[in-house]
Amino acid sequence: MRPDHSGSLARAGAFSADEREAVYRAIETRRDVRSEFLPDPVADDVVGRLLAAAHHAPSVGFMQPWNFIVVRDAGIRSQVWEAFSRANAEAAEMFSGAQQSAYRSLKLEGIRTAPLGICVTCDPERCGDVVLGRTHNRRMDSYSTVCAVQNLWLAARAEGIGVGWVSIFHEADLKRVLGVPERIEIVAWLCVGYVDRLYDQPELAVKGWRQRLPLEELVFADRWGGGE
């Protein structure tokens, strides 16, 4: 069957003021939720909208390298938490003094308290070895998958749903729990659930871990360091 190349172009005008404001509001109020999840289940149709948003992310070579493992089973989420807990204990030992105390005070309970977990993976072989746009940077498939995570996160914010990205685990442990093949990369475990409150600033800023850097210190003109 011959591919259909008859797709039409649509006008690329700006959004209305209200639509534009909604997009920026989702971006600016998105938060990494760690422990404020409500027990209310997330309905299948809502999960479907979140996954559709993720699936509409940009991807290099249109390879769409992502898969999504939707985990509601409490037993599996408990096993994932155990893998996280082991790695988290190792992570705490990498800090010292007051910083270690601050790290240990962070409540990272979303894996068990959120009603839903979504594991986002990347298949580097989805389009074969030579992929348009990945010829000189082999990580572009992973970067594309991160765009899918961001899309899901922003859609969740619009739905009143919190998301927490867990990255503290040994990949092999999660692959064993979830049956993920060796060649597949695990990009994110996302804790997903309704929340009734969000911090007005990122939690790590509120709790003194780090503050947002001034944008003007991060922007150069024409070349590295330009404009200094």
C-alpha atoms as a PDB file:
ATOM      1  CA  MET A   1       0.000   0.000   0.000  1.00  0.00           C
ATOM      2  CA  ARG A   2       1.482   3.341  -1.038  1.00  0.00           C
ATOM      3  CA  PRO A   3       1.851   5.985   1.690  1.00  0.00           C
ATOM      4  CA  ASP A   4      -0.494   8.946   1.543  1.00  0.00           C
ATOM      5  CA  HIS A   5       1.474  12.166   1.012  1.00  0.00           C
ATOM      6  CA  SER A   6      -1.586  14.386   0.565  1.00  0.00           C
ATOM      7  CA  GLY A   7      -1.620  15.910   4.054  1.00  0.00           C
ATOM      8  CA  SER A   8      -2.586  19.573   4.049  1.00  0.00           C
ATOM      9  CA  LEU A   9      -0.979  22.496   5.816  1.00  0.00           C
ATOM     10  CA  ALA A  10      -2.854  24.374   8.537  1.00  0.00           C
ATOM     11  CA  ARG A  11      -2.485  28.013   9.490  1.00  0.00           C
ATOM     12  CA  ALA A  12       0.185  28.607  12.134  1.00  0.00           C
ATOM     13  CA  GLY A  13      -1.262  31.652  13.848  1.00  0.00           C
ATOM     14  CA  ALA A  14      -0.844  32.496  17.518  1.00  0.00           C
ATOM     15  CA  PHE A  15      -3.282  31.179  20.115  1.00  0.00           C
ATOM     16  CA  SER A  16      -5.874  33.453  21.604  1.00  0.00           C
ATOM     17  CA  ALA A  17      -4.831  35.317  24.749  1.00  0.00           C
ATOM     18  CA  ASP A  18      -6.760  32.894  26.990  1.00  0.00           C
ATOM     19  CA  GLU A  19      -5.332  29.830  25.264  1.00  0.00           C
ATOM     20  CA  ARG A  20      -1.807  31.230  25.460  1.00  0.00           C
ATOM     21  CA  GLU A  21      -2.230  32.014  29.152  1.00  0.00           C
ATOM     22  CA  ALA A  22      -3.413  28.451  29.830  1.00  0.00           C
ATOM     23  CA  VAL A  23      -0.305  26.990  28.178  1.00  0.00           C
ATOM     24  CA  TYR A  24       2.058  29.214  30.156  1.00  0.00           C
ATOM     25  CA  ARG A  25       0.127  28.568  33.362  1.00  0.00           C
ATOM     26  CA  ALA A  26       0.556  24.815  32.935  1.00  0.00           C
ATOM     27  CA  ILE A  27       4.288  25.278  32.349  1.00  0.00           C
ATOM     28  CA  GLU A  28       4.865  27.652  35.258  1.00  0.00           C
ATOM     29  CA  THR A  29       2.758  25.806  37.853  1.00  0.00           C
ATOM     30  CA  ARG A  30       3.865  22.269  37.011  1.00  0.00           C
ATOM     31  CA  ARG A  31       5.437  20.646  40.071  1.00  0.00           C
ATOM     32  CA  ASP A  32       7.294  17.446  40.885  1.00  0.00           C
ATOM     33  CA  VAL A  33       4.932  15.850  43.417  1.00  0.00           C
ATOM     34  CA  ARG A  34       6.536  13.618  46.022  1.00  0.00           C
ATOM     35  CA  SER A  35       4.053  12.859  48.785  1.00  0.00           C
ATOM     36  CA  GLU A  36       0.823  14.828  48.412  1.00  0.00           C
ATOM     37  CA  PHE A  37      -1.196  12.322  46.373  1.00  0.00           C
ATOM     38  CA  LEU A  38      -4.846  11.594  47.071  1.00  0.00           C
ATOM     39  CA  PRO A  39      -6.049   7.960  46.953  1.00  0.00           C
ATOM     40  CA  ASP A  40      -8.706   8.681  44.308  1.00  0.00           C
ATOM     41  CA  PRO A  41      -8.243   6.483  41.222  1.00  0.00           C
ATOM     42  CA  VAL A  42      -7.427   8.071  37.873  1.00  0.00           C
ATOM     43  CA  ALA A  43     -10.102   7.051  35.374  1.00  0.00           C
ATOM     44  CA  ASP A  44      -9.135   5.179  32.215  1.00  0.00           C
ATOM     45  CA  ASP A  45     -10.275   7.978  29.918  1.00  0.00           C
ATOM     46  CA  VAL A  46      -8.088  10.485  31.754  1.00  0.00           C
ATOM     47  CA  VAL A  47      -5.100   8.139  31.592  1.00  0.00           C
ATOM     48  CA  GLY A  48      -5.813   7.800  27.885  1.00  0.00           C
ATOM     49  CA  ARG A  49      -5.658  11.569  27.434  1.00  0.00           C
ATOM     50  CA  LEU A  50      -2.349  11.770  29.285  1.00  0.00           C
ATOM     51  CA  LEU A  51      -0.835   9.008  27.173  1.00  0.00           C
ATOM     52  CA  ALA A  52      -2.169  10.593  23.982  1.00  0.00           C
ATOM     53  CA  ALA A  53      -0.490  13.863  24.965  1.00  0.00           C
ATOM     54  CA  ALA A  54       2.759  11.980  25.544  1.00  0.00           C
ATOM     55  CA  HIS A  55       2.404  10.203  22.206  1.00  0.00           C
ATOM     56  CA  HIS A  56       2.125  13.570  20.439  1.00  0.00           C
ATOM     57  CA  ALA A  57       5.582  14.599  21.600  1.00  0.00           C
ATOM     58  CA  PRO A  58       8.205  15.461  18.988  1.00  0.00           C
ATOM     59  CA  SER A  59      10.621  12.675  18.153  1.00  0.00           C
ATOM     60  CA  VAL A  60      13.749  12.683  16.033  1.00  0.00           C
ATOM     61  CA  GLY A  61      13.130  10.942  12.721  1.00  0.00           C
ATOM     62  CA  PHE A  62       9.507  10.506  13.904  1.00  0.00           C
ATOM     63  CA  MET A  63      10.765   7.268  15.452  1.00  0.00           C
ATOM     64  CA  GLN A  64       8.376   7.472  18.455  1.00  0.00           C
ATOM     65  CA  PRO A  65      10.685   5.320  20.588  1.00  0.00           C
ATOM     66  CA  TRP A  66       8.514   5.308  23.706  1.00  0.00           C
ATOM     67  CA  ASN A  67       6.415   2.670  25.438  1.00  0.00           C
ATOM     68  CA  PHE A  68       4.287   3.169  28.549  1.00  0.00           C
ATOM     69  CA  ILE A  69       3.769   0.541  31.250  1.00  0.00           C
ATOM     70  CA  VAL A  70       0.691   1.571  33.241  1.00  0.00           C
ATOM     71  CA  VAL A  71       0.949   0.046  36.723  1.00  0.00           C
ATOM     72  CA  ARG A  72      -2.015   0.039  39.091  1.00  0.00           C
ATOM     73  CA  ASP A  73      -1.168  -3.188  40.912  1.00  0.00           C
ATOM     74  CA  ALA A  74      -0.174  -2.342  44.504  1.00  0.00           C
ATOM     75  CA  GLY A  75       2.096  -5.377  44.760  1.00  0.00           C
ATOM     76  CA  ILE A  76       4.150  -4.345  41.750  1.00  0.00           C
ATOM     77  CA  ARG A  77       4.326  -0.741  42.971  1.00  0.00           C
ATOM     78  CA  SER A  78       5.566  -2.064  46.315  1.00  0.00           C
ATOM     79  CA  GLN A  79       8.352  -3.954  44.553  1.00  0.00           C
ATOM     80  CA  VAL A  80       9.285  -0.789  42.677  1.00  0.00           C
ATOM     81  CA  TRP A  81       9.347   1.108  45.977  1.00  0.00           C
ATOM     82  CA  GLU A  82      11.692  -1.497  47.460  1.00  0.00           C
ATOM     83  CA  ALA A  83      14.062  -1.020  44.501  1.00  0.00           C
ATOM     84  CA  PHE A  84      13.868   2.736  44.994  1.00  0.00           C
ATOM     85  CA  SER A  85      14.391   2.436  48.752  1.00  0.00           C
ATOM     86  CA  ARG A  86      17.635   0.509  48.309  1.00  0.00           C
ATOM     87  CA  ALA A  87      18.976   3.046  45.833  1.00  0.00           C
ATOM     88  CA  ASN A  88      17.759   5.963  47.954  1.00  0.00           C
ATOM     89  CA  ALA A  89      19.746   4.702  50.950  1.00  0.00           C
ATOM     90  CA  GLU A  90      22.832   4.600  48.719  1.00  0.00           C
ATOM     91  CA  ALA A  91      22.100   8.114  47.459  1.00  0.00           C
ATOM     92  CA  ALA A  92      21.816   9.514  50.992  1.00  0.00           C
ATOM     93  CA  GLU A  93      25.358   8.330  51.743  1.00  0.00           C
ATOM     94  CA  MET A  94      26.671  10.384  48.816  1.00  0.00           C
ATOM     95  CA  PHE A  95      25.816  13.596  50.670  1.00  0.00           C
ATOM     96  CA  SER A  96      27.350  14.764  53.911  1.00  0.00           C
ATOM     97  CA  GLY A  97      26.566  16.947  56.888  1.00  0.00           C
ATOM     98  CA  ALA A  98      23.572  19.254  56.704  1.00  0.00           C
ATOM     99  CA  GLN A  99      22.949  18.328  53.086  1.00  0.00           C
ATOM    100  CA  GLN A 100      22.572  14.662  54.009  1.00  0.00           C
ATOM    101  CA  SER A 101      20.128  15.582  56.777  1.00  0.00           C
ATOM    102  CA  ALA A 102      18.149  17.711  54.344  1.00  0.00           C
ATOM    103  CA  TYR A 103      18.094  14.872  51.821  1.00  0.00           C
ATOM    104  CA  ARG A 104      16.823  12.370  54.382  1.00  0.00           C
ATOM    105  CA  SER A 105      14.061  14.797  55.406  1.00  0.00           C
ATOM    106  CA  LEU A 106      12.538  14.840  51.930  1.00  0.00           C
ATOM    107  CA  LYS A 107       9.433  12.676  51.767  1.00  0.00           C
ATOM    108  CA  LEU A 108       9.641  10.525  48.653  1.00  0.00           C
ATOM    109  CA  GLU A 109       6.607   8.317  49.142  1.00  0.00           C
ATOM    110  CA  GLY A 110       4.806   8.742  45.825  1.00  0.00           C
ATOM    111  CA  ILE A 111       5.523   5.258  44.504  1.00  0.00           C
ATOM    112  CA  ARG A 112       3.279   3.722  47.145  1.00  0.00           C
ATOM    113  CA  THR A 113       0.813   6.555  47.792  1.00  0.00           C
ATOM    114  CA  ALA A 114      -0.005   7.521  44.204  1.00  0.00           C
ATOM    115  CA  PRO A 115      -2.718   5.238  42.801  1.00  0.00           C
ATOM    116  CA  LEU A 116      -0.926   4.903  39.486  1.00  0.00           C
ATOM    117  CA  GLY A 117       2.606   4.417  38.220  1.00  0.00           C
ATOM    118  CA  ILE A 118       3.682   4.875  34.616  1.00  0.00           C
ATOM    119  CA  CYS A 119       7.032   3.565  33.477  1.00  0.00           C
ATOM    120  CA  VAL A 120       8.229   5.343  30.334  1.00  0.00           C
ATOM    121  CA  THR A 121      10.761   3.467  28.231  1.00  0.00           C
ATOM    122  CA  CYS A 122      12.809   4.052  25.093  1.00  0.00           C
ATOM    123  CA  ASP A 123      13.374   1.483  22.331  1.00  0.00           C
ATOM    124  CA  PRO A 124      16.599   2.457  20.499  1.00  0.00           C
ATOM    125  CA  GLU A 125      15.946  -0.150  17.792  1.00  0.00           C
ATOM    126  CA  ARG A 126      12.446   0.970  16.816  1.00  0.00           C
ATOM    127  CA  CYS A 127      13.529   2.350  13.444  1.00  0.00           C
ATOM    128  CA  GLY A 128      16.645   0.295  12.879  1.00  0.00           C
ATOM    129  CA  ASP A 129      20.251   1.363  13.273  1.00  0.00           C
ATOM    130  CA  VAL A 130      20.265   4.392  10.961  1.00  0.00           C
ATOM    131  CA  VAL A 131      17.618   6.941  11.935  1.00  0.00           C
ATOM    132  CA  LEU A 132      17.069  10.341  10.383  1.00  0.00           C
ATOM    133  CA  GLY A 133      18.443  12.920  12.833  1.00  0.00           C
ATOM    134  CA  ARG A 134      20.184  10.337  15.035  1.00  0.00           C
ATOM    135  CA  THR A 135      23.087   9.673  12.680  1.00  0.00           C
ATOM    136  CA  HIS A 136      25.514  11.804  14.702  1.00  0.00           C
ATOM    137  CA  ASN A 137      23.963  11.765  18.173  1.00  0.00           C
ATOM    138  CA  ARG A 138      22.914   8.358  19.420  1.00  0.00           C
ATOM    139  CA  ARG A 139      21.072   9.837  22.408  1.00  0.00           C
ATOM    140  CA  MET A 140      18.384  11.556  20.349  1.00  0.00           C
ATOM    141  CA  ASP A 141      15.960   8.681  20.944  1.00  0.00           C
ATOM    142  CA  SER A 142      16.273   9.169  24.708  1.00  0.00           C
ATOM    143  CA  TYR A 143      15.873  12.921  24.345  1.00  0.00           C
ATOM    144  CA  SER A 144      12.711  12.348  22.311  1.00  0.00           C
ATOM    145  CA  THR A 145      11.317  10.137  25.074  1.00  0.00           C
ATOM    146  CA  VAL A 146      11.953  12.874  27.627  1.00  0.00           C
ATOM    147  CA  CYS A 147       9.794  15.166  25.462  1.00  0.00           C
ATOM    148  CA  ALA A 148       7.002  12.591  25.845  1.00  0.00           C
ATOM    149  CA  VAL A 149       7.408  12.733  29.626  1.00  0.00           C
ATOM    150  CA  GLN A 150       7.143  16.513  29.556  1.00  0.00           C
ATOM    151  CA  ASN A 151       4.002  16.401  27.397  1.00  0.00           C
ATOM    152  CA  LEU A 152       2.375  13.962  29.810  1.00  0.00           C
ATOM    153  CA  TRP A 153       3.370  16.143  32.770  1.00  0.00           C
ATOM    154  CA  LEU A 154       1.873  19.312  31.323  1.00  0.00           C
ATOM    155  CA  ALA A 155      -1.330  17.516  30.317  1.00  0.00           C
ATOM    156  CA  ALA A 156      -1.561  16.143  33.858  1.00  0.00           C
ATOM    157  CA  ARG A 157      -1.258  19.646  35.273  1.00  0.00           C
ATOM    158  CA  ALA A 158      -4.187  20.753  33.096  1.00  0.00           C
ATOM    159  CA  GLU A 159      -6.204  17.786  34.438  1.00  0.00           C
ATOM    160  CA  GLY A 160      -5.466  18.631  38.092  1.00  0.00           C
ATOM    161  CA  ILE A 161      -3.256  15.564  38.369  1.00  0.00           C
ATOM    162  CA  GLY A 162       0.123  15.514  40.066  1.00  0.00           C
ATOM    163  CA  VAL A 163       3.180  13.760  38.671  1.00  0.00           C
ATOM    164  CA  GLY A 164       6.415  12.804  40.400  1.00  0.00           C
ATOM    165  CA  TRP A 165       9.436  11.643  38.399  1.00  0.00           C
ATOM    166  CA  VAL A 166      11.440   8.953  40.223  1.00  0.00           C
ATOM    167  CA  SER A 167      14.991   8.499  38.959  1.00  0.00           C
ATOM    168  CA  ILE A 168      16.638   6.956  42.023  1.00  0.00           C
ATOM    169  CA  PHE A 169      16.880   3.264  41.196  1.00  0.00           C
ATOM    170  CA  HIS A 170      19.157   0.763  39.545  1.00  0.00           C
ATOM    171  CA  GLU A 171      17.711   0.207  36.078  1.00  0.00           C
ATOM    172  CA  ALA A 172      18.298  -3.544  36.290  1.00  0.00           C
ATOM    173  CA  ASP A 173      16.078  -3.740  39.379  1.00  0.00           C
ATOM    174  CA  LEU A 174      13.135  -2.087  37.615  1.00  0.00           C
ATOM    175  CA  LYS A 175      13.634  -4.189  34.516  1.00  0.00           C
ATOM    176  CA  ARG A 176      13.459  -7.309  36.639  1.00  0.00           C
ATOM    177  CA  VAL A 177      10.239  -6.201  38.388  1.00  0.00           C
ATOM    178  CA  LEU A 178       8.519  -5.068  35.176  1.00  0.00           C
ATOM    179  CA  GLY A 179       9.890  -7.635  32.722  1.00  0.00           C
ATOM    180  CA  VAL A 180      11.520  -4.988  30.535  1.00  0.00           C
ATOM    181  CA  PRO A 181      13.892  -6.435  27.894  1.00  0.00           C
ATOM    182  CA  GLU A 182      17.596  -5.686  28.268  1.00  0.00           C
ATOM    183  CA  ARG A 183      17.808  -3.621  25.072  1.00  0.00           C
ATOM    184  CA  ILE A 184      15.072  -1.219  26.260  1.00  0.00           C
ATOM    185  CA  GLU A 185      16.062   1.867  28.267  1.00  0.00           C
ATOM    186  CA  ILE A 186      13.964   2.919  31.242  1.00  0.00           C
ATOM    187  CA  VAL A 187      13.699   6.700  31.108  1.00  0.00           C
ATOM    188  CA  ALA A 188      11.270   7.452  33.939  1.00  0.00           C
ATOM    189  CA  TRP A 189       9.014   6.034  36.596  1.00  0.00           C
ATOM    190  CA  LEU A 190       6.177   8.513  37.048  1.00  0.00           C
ATOM    191  CA  CYS A 191       3.967   8.594  40.137  1.00  0.00           C
ATOM    192  CA  VAL A 192       0.553   9.802  38.978  1.00  0.00           C
ATOM    193  CA  GLY A 193      -2.498  10.824  41.001  1.00  0.00           C
ATOM    194  CA  TYR A 194      -4.830  13.625  41.966  1.00  0.00           C
ATOM    195  CA  VAL A 195      -3.637  16.298  44.371  1.00  0.00           C
ATOM    196  CA  ASP A 196      -5.616  19.023  46.114  1.00  0.00           C
ATOM    197  CA  ARG A 197      -2.664  21.334  46.725  1.00  0.00           C
ATOM    198  CA  LEU A 198       0.601  22.192  45.011  1.00  0.00           C
ATOM    199  CA  TYR A 199       3.536  24.238  46.217  1.00  0.00           C
ATOM    200  CA  ASP A 200       3.540  27.723  44.730  1.00  0.00           C
ATOM    201  CA  GLN A 201       7.254  27.205  44.011  1.00  0.00           C
ATOM    202  CA  PRO A 202       9.209  23.991  43.333  1.00  0.00           C
ATOM    203  CA  GLU A 203       9.386  21.945  46.546  1.00  0.00           C
ATOM    204  CA  LEU A 204      13.188  21.821  46.548  1.00  0.00           C
ATOM    205  CA  ALA A 205      13.249  25.622  46.407  1.00  0.00           C
ATOM    206  CA  VAL A 206      10.680  25.900  49.216  1.00  0.00           C
ATOM    207  CA  LYS A 207      12.724  23.535  51.393  1.00  0.00           C
ATOM    208  CA  GLY A 208      16.004  25.305  50.697  1.00  0.00           C
ATOM    209  CA  TRP A 209      17.708  22.653  48.590  1.00  0.00           C
ATOM    210  CA  ARG A 210      18.214  24.812  45.484  1.00  0.00           C
ATOM    211  CA  GLN A 211      16.795  28.048  44.105  1.00  0.00           C
ATOM    212  CA  ARG A 212      15.875  28.853  40.517  1.00  0.00           C
ATOM    213  CA  LEU A 213      18.810  30.394  38.689  1.00  0.00           C
ATOM    214  CA  PRO A 214      18.323  33.844  37.128  1.00  0.00           C
ATOM    215  CA  LEU A 215      17.522  33.370  33.442  1.00  0.00           C
ATOM    216  CA  GLU A 216      19.748  36.275  32.415  1.00  0.00           C
ATOM    217  CA  GLU A 217      22.783  34.393  33.762  1.00  0.00           C
ATOM    218  CA  LEU A 218      22.053  31.448  31.465  1.00  0.00           C
ATOM    219  CA  VAL A 219      21.572  33.218  28.124  1.00  0.00           C
ATOM    220  CA  PHE A 220      24.484  34.074  25.826  1.00  0.00           C
ATOM    221  CA  ALA A 221      24.479  36.083  22.601  1.00  0.00           C
ATOM    222  CA  ASP A 222      25.833  34.398  19.467  1.00  0.00           C
ATOM    223  CA  ARG A 223      28.485  32.272  21.226  1.00  0.00           C
ATOM    224  CA  TRP A 224      29.386  30.831  24.641  1.00  0.00           C
ATOM    225  CA  GLY A 225      29.902  33.695  27.051  1.00  0.00           C
ATOM    226  CA  GLY A 226      28.694  36.202  24.494  1.00  0.00           C
ATOM    227  CA  GLY A 227      27.388  39.453  25.938  1.00  0.00           C
ATOM    228  CA  GLU A 228      29.560  39.411  29.043  1.00  0.00           C
END
